[in-house]
C-alpha atoms as a PDB file:
ATOM      1  CA  MET A   1     208.197 152.310 131.626  1.00  0.00           C
ATOM      2  CA  ALA A   2     208.655 149.233 133.638  1.00  0.00           C
ATOM      3  CA  GLN A   3     205.469 147.493 134.756  1.00  0.00           C
ATOM      4  CA  PRO A   4     205.003 146.923 138.502  1.00  0.00           C
ATOM      5  CA  HIS A   5     205.237 143.195 139.580  1.00  0.00           C
ATOM      6  CA  GLN A   6     201.849 141.750 139.396  1.00  0.00           C
ATOM      7  CA  PRO A   7     201.323 139.001 141.952  1.00  0.00           C
ATOM      8  CA  ASP A   8     199.946 135.653 140.716  1.00  0.00           C
ATOM      9  CA  ILE A   9     196.284 135.984 141.547  1.00  0.00           C
ATOM     10  CA  GLU A  10     195.586 132.244 141.953  1.00  0.00           C
ATOM     11  CA  SER A  11     198.417 131.584 144.340  1.00  0.00           C
ATOM     12  CA  THR A  12     197.803 134.633 146.331  1.00  0.00           C
ATOM     13  CA  SER A  13     194.194 133.729 146.870  1.00  0.00           C
ATOM     14  CA  ARG A  14     195.243 130.244 147.774  1.00  0.00           C
ATOM     15  CA  ASP A  15     197.742 131.641 150.283  1.00  0.00           C
ATOM     16  CA  HIS A  16     195.053 133.881 151.781  1.00  0.00           C
ATOM     17  CA  ALA A  17     192.697 131.016 152.114  1.00  0.00           C
ATOM     18  CA  GLU A  18     195.228 128.770 153.735  1.00  0.00           C
ATOM     19  CA  ALA A  19     196.059 131.579 156.190  1.00  0.00           C
ATOM     20  CA  ARG A  20     192.310 132.083 157.096  1.00  0.00           C
ATOM     21  CA  THR A  21     191.827 128.502 157.922  1.00  0.00           C
ATOM     22  CA  ALA A  22     195.312 127.579 159.068  1.00  0.00           C
ATOM     23  CA  LEU A  23     195.976 124.960 161.390  1.00  0.00           C
ATOM     24  CA  GLY A  24     199.228 124.857 163.104  1.00  0.00           C
ATOM     25  CA  ALA A  25     201.553 121.696 163.238  1.00  0.00           C
ATOM     26  CA  ASP A  26     200.323 120.825 166.747  1.00  0.00           C
ATOM     27  CA  GLU A  27     196.819 120.468 165.714  1.00  0.00           C
ATOM     28  CA  VAL A  28     197.699 118.343 162.610  1.00  0.00           C
ATOM     29  CA  ALA A  29     200.082 116.304 164.736  1.00  0.00           C
ATOM     30  CA  ARG A  30     197.298 115.609 167.328  1.00  0.00           C
ATOM     31  CA  GLY A  31     194.966 114.604 164.580  1.00  0.00           C
ATOM     32  CA  ILE A  32     197.519 112.236 163.225  1.00  0.00           C
ATOM     33  CA  MET A  33     198.309 110.795 166.668  1.00  0.00           C
ATOM     34  CA  ARG A  34     194.607 110.001 167.310  1.00  0.00           C
ATOM     35  CA  LEU A  35     194.486 108.397 163.887  1.00  0.00           C
ATOM     36  CA  PHE A  36     197.601 106.421 164.630  1.00  0.00           C
ATOM     37  CA  ALA A  37     196.316 105.406 168.125  1.00  0.00           C
ATOM     38  CA  ARG A  38     193.184 103.817 166.672  1.00  0.00           C
ATOM     39  CA  ASN A  39     195.376 101.863 164.507  1.00  0.00           C
ATOM     40  CA  ASP A  40     197.794 100.792 167.305  1.00  0.00           C
ATOM     41  CA  ILE A  41     200.687 102.923 166.178  1.00  0.00           C
ATOM     42  CA  TRP A  42     202.159 104.975 168.888  1.00  0.00           C
ATOM     43  CA  CYS A  43     204.538 107.811 168.203  1.00  0.00           C
ATOM     44  CA  LEU A  44     206.564 110.743 169.650  1.00  0.00           C
ATOM     45  CA  ARG A  45     206.899 114.212 168.333  1.00  0.00           C
ATOM     46  CA  GLU A  46     210.107 115.817 167.374  1.00  0.00           C
ATOM     47  CA  MET A  47     212.217 112.728 167.335  1.00  0.00           C
ATOM     48  CA  ALA A  48     216.061 113.245 166.468  1.00  0.00           C
ATOM     49  CA  LEU A  49     217.509 111.018 163.827  1.00  0.00           C
ATOM     50  CA  PRO A  50     221.126 109.874 163.777  1.00  0.00           C
ATOM     51  CA  ASN A  51     221.753 111.938 160.608  1.00  0.00           C
ATOM     52  CA  GLY A  52     220.960 115.218 162.485  1.00  0.00           C
ATOM     53  CA  ARG A  53     217.393 115.685 161.101  1.00  0.00           C
ATOM     54  CA  ARG A  54     214.406 115.747 163.242  1.00  0.00           C
ATOM     55  CA  ALA A  55     211.216 113.792 162.391  1.00  0.00           C
ATOM     56  CA  ASP A  56     207.941 115.703 163.246  1.00  0.00           C
ATOM     57  CA  LEU A  57     206.389 112.265 164.254  1.00  0.00           C
ATOM     58  CA  MET A  58     207.929 108.966 164.536  1.00  0.00           C
ATOM     59  CA  GLY A  59     206.073 105.861 165.593  1.00  0.00           C
ATOM     60  CA  ILE A  60     206.069 102.091 165.845  1.00  0.00           C
ATOM     61  CA  ASP A  61     203.250  99.879 165.067  1.00  0.00           C
ATOM     62  CA  ALA A  62     202.184  96.512 166.745  1.00  0.00           C
ATOM     63  CA  ARG A  63     204.523  94.613 164.217  1.00  0.00           C
ATOM     64  CA  GLY A  64     207.428  96.720 165.050  1.00  0.00           C
ATOM     65  CA  LEU A  65     207.631  98.618 161.739  1.00  0.00           C
ATOM     66  CA  LEU A  66     208.606 102.321 162.085  1.00  0.00           C
ATOM     67  CA  VAL A  67     206.620 105.216 160.579  1.00  0.00           C
ATOM     68  CA  ILE A  68     207.797 108.849 160.092  1.00  0.00           C
ATOM     69  CA  VAL A  69     205.517 111.634 159.354  1.00  0.00           C
ATOM     70  CA  GLU A  70     206.663 115.043 158.017  1.00  0.00           C
ATOM     71  CA  ILE A  71     204.004 117.641 158.827  1.00  0.00           C
ATOM     72  CA  LYS A  72     203.315 120.524 156.509  1.00  0.00           C
ATOM     73  CA  VAL A  73     200.827 123.376 157.143  1.00  0.00           C
ATOM     74  CA  SER A  74     201.657 125.765 154.440  1.00  0.00           C
ATOM     75  CA  ARG A  75     202.369 125.535 150.707  1.00  0.00           C
ATOM     76  CA  ALA A  76     205.704 127.518 151.118  1.00  0.00           C
ATOM     77  CA  ASP A  77     206.799 125.013 153.755  1.00  0.00           C
ATOM     78  CA  LEU A  78     205.822 122.109 151.586  1.00  0.00           C
ATOM     79  CA  LEU A  79     207.475 123.459 148.467  1.00  0.00           C
ATOM     80  CA  GLY A  80     210.497 124.572 150.174  1.00  0.00           C
ATOM     81  CA  ASP A  81     211.422 121.262 151.962  1.00  0.00           C
ATOM     82  CA  ALA A  82     214.378 119.607 150.345  1.00  0.00           C
ATOM     83  CA  LYS A  83     215.389 117.649 153.257  1.00  0.00           C
ATOM     84  CA  TRP A  84     212.619 115.081 153.504  1.00  0.00           C
ATOM     85  CA  PRO A  85     214.267 112.288 151.438  1.00  0.00           C
ATOM     86  CA  GLU A  86     216.811 111.869 154.397  1.00  0.00           C
ATOM     87  CA  TYR A  87     214.141 110.543 156.522  1.00  0.00           C
ATOM     88  CA  LEU A  88     213.497 107.601 154.305  1.00  0.00           C
ATOM     89  CA  ASP A  89     216.532 105.540 155.596  1.00  0.00           C
ATOM     90  CA  TYR A  90     215.053 105.633 159.052  1.00  0.00           C
ATOM     91  CA  CYS A  91     211.486 104.261 158.593  1.00  0.00           C
ATOM     92  CA  ASP A  92     209.489 101.430 156.980  1.00  0.00           C
ATOM     93  CA  ARG A  93     206.800 103.846 155.996  1.00  0.00           C
ATOM     94  CA  PHE A  94     206.960 107.590 155.369  1.00  0.00           C
ATOM     95  CA  TYR A  95     203.842 109.898 155.305  1.00  0.00           C
ATOM     96  CA  TRP A  96     203.209 113.538 154.588  1.00  0.00           C
ATOM     97  CA  GLY A  97     200.915 114.854 157.349  1.00  0.00           C
ATOM     98  CA  LEU A  98     198.973 117.839 155.877  1.00  0.00           C
ATOM     99  CA  ALA A  99     196.322 120.309 157.070  1.00  0.00           C
ATOM    100  CA  PRO A 100     193.034 119.867 155.179  1.00  0.00           C
ATOM    101  CA  VAL A 101     193.253 123.270 153.287  1.00  0.00           C
ATOM    102  CA  LEU A 102     196.726 122.387 151.829  1.00  0.00           C
ATOM    103  CA  ASP A 103     196.767 121.752 148.279  1.00  0.00           C
ATOM    104  CA  ARG A 104     197.966 118.095 147.775  1.00  0.00           C
ATOM    105  CA  ALA A 105     198.644 118.503 144.091  1.00  0.00           C
ATOM    106  CA  PRO A 106     202.531 118.951 144.498  1.00  0.00           C
ATOM    107  CA  LEU A 107     202.759 115.586 146.340  1.00  0.00           C
ATOM    108  CA  GLU A 108     201.678 113.927 143.018  1.00  0.00           C
ATOM    109  CA  SER A 109     204.789 115.131 141.198  1.00  0.00           C
ATOM    110  CA  GLU A 110     207.885 112.815 140.816  1.00  0.00           C
ATOM    111  CA  ALA A 111     209.811 115.109 142.941  1.00  0.00           C
ATOM    112  CA  TYR A 112     207.790 114.080 146.025  1.00  0.00           C
ATOM    113  CA  ARG A 113     208.092 110.420 145.086  1.00  0.00           C
ATOM    114  CA  PRO A 114     204.414 109.346 145.369  1.00  0.00           C
ATOM    115  CA  ASP A 115     205.486 105.662 144.905  1.00  0.00           C
ATOM    116  CA  ALA A 116     207.393 105.921 148.238  1.00  0.00           C
ATOM    117  CA  CYS A 117     205.255 108.149 150.413  1.00  0.00           C
ATOM    118  CA  GLY A 118     201.661 108.149 151.808  1.00  0.00           C
ATOM    119  CA  VAL A 119     199.564 111.174 152.581  1.00  0.00           C
ATOM    120  CA  ILE A 120     197.581 111.957 155.816  1.00  0.00           C
ATOM    121  CA  VAL A 121     195.261 114.857 156.033  1.00  0.00           C
ATOM    122  CA  ALA A 122     194.487 115.825 159.601  1.00  0.00           C
ATOM    123  CA  ASP A 123     193.001 118.591 161.751  1.00  0.00           C
ATOM    124  CA  GLY A 124     193.149 118.925 165.491  1.00  0.00           C
ATOM    125  CA  TYR A 125     190.540 116.179 166.152  1.00  0.00           C
ATOM    126  CA  ASP A 126     191.369 113.253 163.673  1.00  0.00           C
ATOM    127  CA  GLY A 127     193.243 112.232 160.599  1.00  0.00           C
ATOM    128  CA  GLU A 128     192.592 110.205 157.445  1.00  0.00           C
ATOM    129  CA  ILE A 129     195.025 108.375 155.336  1.00  0.00           C
ATOM    130  CA  VAL A 130     194.320 109.587 151.729  1.00  0.00           C
ATOM    131  CA  ARG A 131     197.306 107.618 150.220  1.00  0.00           C
ATOM    132  CA  HIS A 132     198.733 104.763 151.962  1.00  0.00           C
ATOM    133  CA  ALA A 133     202.556 104.619 152.317  1.00  0.00           C
ATOM    134  CA  PRO A 134     204.212 101.521 150.733  1.00  0.00           C
ATOM    135  CA  LEU A 135     206.223  99.279 153.003  1.00  0.00           C
ATOM    136  CA  THR A 136     209.989  99.624 152.372  1.00  0.00           C
ATOM    137  CA  ARG A 137     211.420  97.448 154.990  1.00  0.00           C
ATOM    138  CA  LEU A 138     214.510  98.603 156.892  1.00  0.00           C
ATOM    139  CA  ALA A 139     217.451  96.304 157.362  1.00  0.00           C
ATOM    140  CA  PRO A 140     217.005  94.446 160.631  1.00  0.00           C
ATOM    141  CA  ALA A 141     220.024  96.040 162.164  1.00  0.00           C
ATOM    142  CA  ARG A 142     218.748  99.498 161.365  1.00  0.00           C
ATOM    143  CA  ARG A 143     215.308  98.935 162.576  1.00  0.00           C
ATOM    144  CA  LYS A 144     216.496  97.481 165.964  1.00  0.00           C
ATOM    145  CA  ALA A 145     218.786 100.449 166.367  1.00  0.00           C
ATOM    146  CA  GLN A 146     215.999 102.890 165.564  1.00  0.00           C
ATOM    147  CA  THR A 147     213.461 101.063 167.837  1.00  0.00           C
ATOM    148  CA  GLN A 148     215.937 101.314 170.713  1.00  0.00           C
ATOM    149  CA  ARG A 149     216.475 104.998 170.071  1.00  0.00           C
ATOM    150  CA  LEU A 150     212.790 105.690 169.876  1.00  0.00           C
ATOM    151  CA  SER A 151     212.092 103.548 172.999  1.00  0.00           C
ATOM    152  CA  ARG A 152     214.915 105.285 175.136  1.00  0.00           C
ATOM    153  CA  CYS A 153     213.680 108.805 173.977  1.00  0.00           C
ATOM    154  CA  ALA A 154     210.000 107.858 174.920  1.00  0.00           C
ATOM    155  CA  LEU A 155     211.263 106.544 178.530  1.00  0.00           C
ATOM    156  CA  ARG A 156     213.500 109.545 178.864  1.00  0.00           C
ATOM    157  CA  ARG A 157     210.647 111.893 178.250  1.00  0.00           C
ATOM    158  CA  LEU A 158     208.162 109.938 180.575  1.00  0.00           C
ATOM    159  CA  THR A 159     210.920 109.997 183.312  1.00  0.00           C
ATOM    160  CA  ALA A 160     211.211 113.811 182.956  1.00  0.00           C
ATOM    161  CA  LEU A 161     207.280 114.136 183.332  1.00  0.00           C
ATOM    162  CA  ALA A 162     207.261 112.094 186.436  1.00  0.00           C
ATOM    163  CA  ASP A 163     210.477 113.885 187.869  1.00  0.00           C
ATOM    164  CA  PRO A 164     211.303 117.238 186.301  1.00  0.00           C
ATOM    165  CA  GLU A 165     214.502 117.473 188.349  1.00  0.00           C
ATOM    166  CA  CYS A 166     215.723 114.300 186.820  1.00  0.00           C
ATOM    167  CA  ALA A 167     215.321 115.878 183.329  1.00  0.00           C
ATOM    168  CA  ALA A 168     218.115 118.311 184.241  1.00  0.00           C
ATOM    169  CA  LEU A 169     220.679 115.569 185.052  1.00  0.00           C
ATOM    170  CA  PRO A 170     223.270 114.714 182.444  1.00  0.00           C
ATOM    171  CA  PHE A 171     222.646 111.478 180.681  1.00  0.00           C
ATOM    172  CA  GLY A 172     224.891 109.166 178.736  1.00  0.00           C
ATOM    173  CA  GLY A 173     223.574 109.513 175.304  1.00  0.00           C
END
């Protein structure tokens, strides 16, 4: 007689604990944005990249260095993400942004390149860098192009806030 599937007790308990104390990506992003603001890094949410990907947060520091943060609020989302290496070509520093209850152990494996990625833990109020991202400088032409794209996107969003009708107008790029 076939045995019924027995769920992995440890992972099921962990998943239930995550669900009970789950923070959404909005709260994690807010905490990271506050952390960054204190460190003179200013960022935008949902920044489109030239390769078709969308960075959860993309920012620029006072020295003009670009930072991308990929936010994860569940273990399944973290383990199922195979696209994140495609962000590395568009930033000088890359961070994982995690909810406090999320197990960070997978990020220590070679698959998640701990030598190339930092880790930030954040809630809706604040964030903390628990592993600094190493600096991997972009080529100057790439940094200039990305800085211009980030600036134009920020200005387009500010214009739309000031004049919602303007947001509906077609734009050249």
